[in-house]
């Protein structure tokens, strides 16, 4: 860690660290938003499957659609 991010010695280094952090943080937020959508979709599928009788044609169709 210290070799990748040595102690900040001046304002320019601080600005460089901040810029890198902001870029990485935005990537994290974008990935988190994608994960939120995926989790919502999985929750919707789970709720849909819970309403269907296991083994019924509708259940099997739903399983095929999401697998």
Protein backbone atom coordinates (compact mmCIF):
# COMPACT_ATOMS: atom_id res chain seq x y z
CA UNK A 1 0.00 0.00 0.00
CA UNK A 2 2.75 2.46 0.93
CA UNK A 3 4.57 1.87 -2.35
CA UNK A 4 1.42 2.61 -4.37
CA UNK A 5 0.37 5.56 -2.19
CA UNK A 6 3.38 7.10 -0.45
CA UNK A 7 2.76 9.92 2.04
CA UNK A 8 1.54 13.17 0.51
CA UNK A 9 4.40 15.64 0.29
CA UNK A 10 2.77 18.59 -1.47
CA UNK A 11 -0.44 20.05 -2.87
CA UNK A 12 0.13 18.55 -6.34
CA UNK A 13 0.29 15.02 -4.89
CA UNK A 14 -2.84 15.70 -2.86
CA UNK A 15 -4.65 16.81 -6.02
CA UNK A 16 -3.42 13.72 -7.89
CA UNK A 17 -4.70 11.43 -5.11
CA UNK A 18 -8.03 13.24 -5.03
CA UNK A 19 -8.43 12.97 -8.80
CA UNK A 20 -7.64 9.24 -8.68
CA UNK A 21 -10.01 8.71 -5.77
CA UNK A 22 -12.81 10.61 -7.50
CA UNK A 23 -12.36 8.54 -10.67
CA UNK A 24 -12.33 5.25 -8.77
CA UNK A 25 -15.24 6.34 -6.59
CA UNK A 26 -17.33 7.15 -9.67
CA UNK A 27 -16.56 3.70 -11.09
CA UNK A 28 -17.63 2.16 -7.77
CA UNK A 29 -20.89 4.14 -7.80
CA UNK A 30 -21.62 3.07 -11.38
CA UNK A 31 -21.00 -0.58 -10.52
CA UNK A 32 -23.13 -0.26 -7.39
CA UNK A 33 -26.00 1.14 -9.48
CA UNK A 34 -25.71 -1.83 -11.85
CA UNK A 35 -25.77 -4.21 -8.89
CA UNK A 36 -28.87 -2.48 -7.51
CA UNK A 37 -30.70 -3.09 -10.80
CA UNK A 38 -29.58 -6.73 -10.89
CA UNK A 39 -30.66 -7.29 -7.28
CA UNK A 40 -34.06 -5.70 -7.94
CA UNK A 41 -34.56 -7.94 -10.98
CA UNK A 42 -33.61 -11.03 -8.96
CA UNK A 43 -36.01 -10.00 -6.22
CA UNK A 44 -38.79 -9.57 -8.81
CA UNK A 45 -38.06 -13.02 -10.24
CA UNK A 46 -38.06 -14.56 -6.76
CA UNK A 47 -41.39 -12.92 -5.96
CA UNK A 48 -42.85 -14.11 -9.28
CA UNK A 49 -41.68 -17.68 -8.69
CA UNK A 50 -43.11 -17.64 -5.15
CA UNK A 51 -46.56 -16.95 -6.64
CA UNK A 52 -46.39 -19.93 -8.99
CA UNK A 53 -46.85 -23.58 -8.13
CA UNK A 54 -43.51 -25.32 -8.35
CA UNK A 55 -43.43 -27.62 -11.36
CA UNK A 56 -46.39 -25.94 -13.08
CA UNK A 57 -46.00 -24.97 -16.75
CA UNK A 58 -45.92 -21.27 -15.77
CA UNK A 59 -43.23 -21.96 -13.17
CA UNK A 60 -41.13 -23.92 -15.66
CA UNK A 61 -41.58 -21.18 -18.29
CA UNK A 62 -40.42 -18.57 -15.78
CA UNK A 63 -37.42 -20.72 -14.84
CA UNK A 64 -36.51 -21.12 -18.52
CA UNK A 65 -36.85 -17.38 -19.10
CA UNK A 66 -34.49 -16.44 -16.27
CA UNK A 67 -31.91 -19.21 -16.63
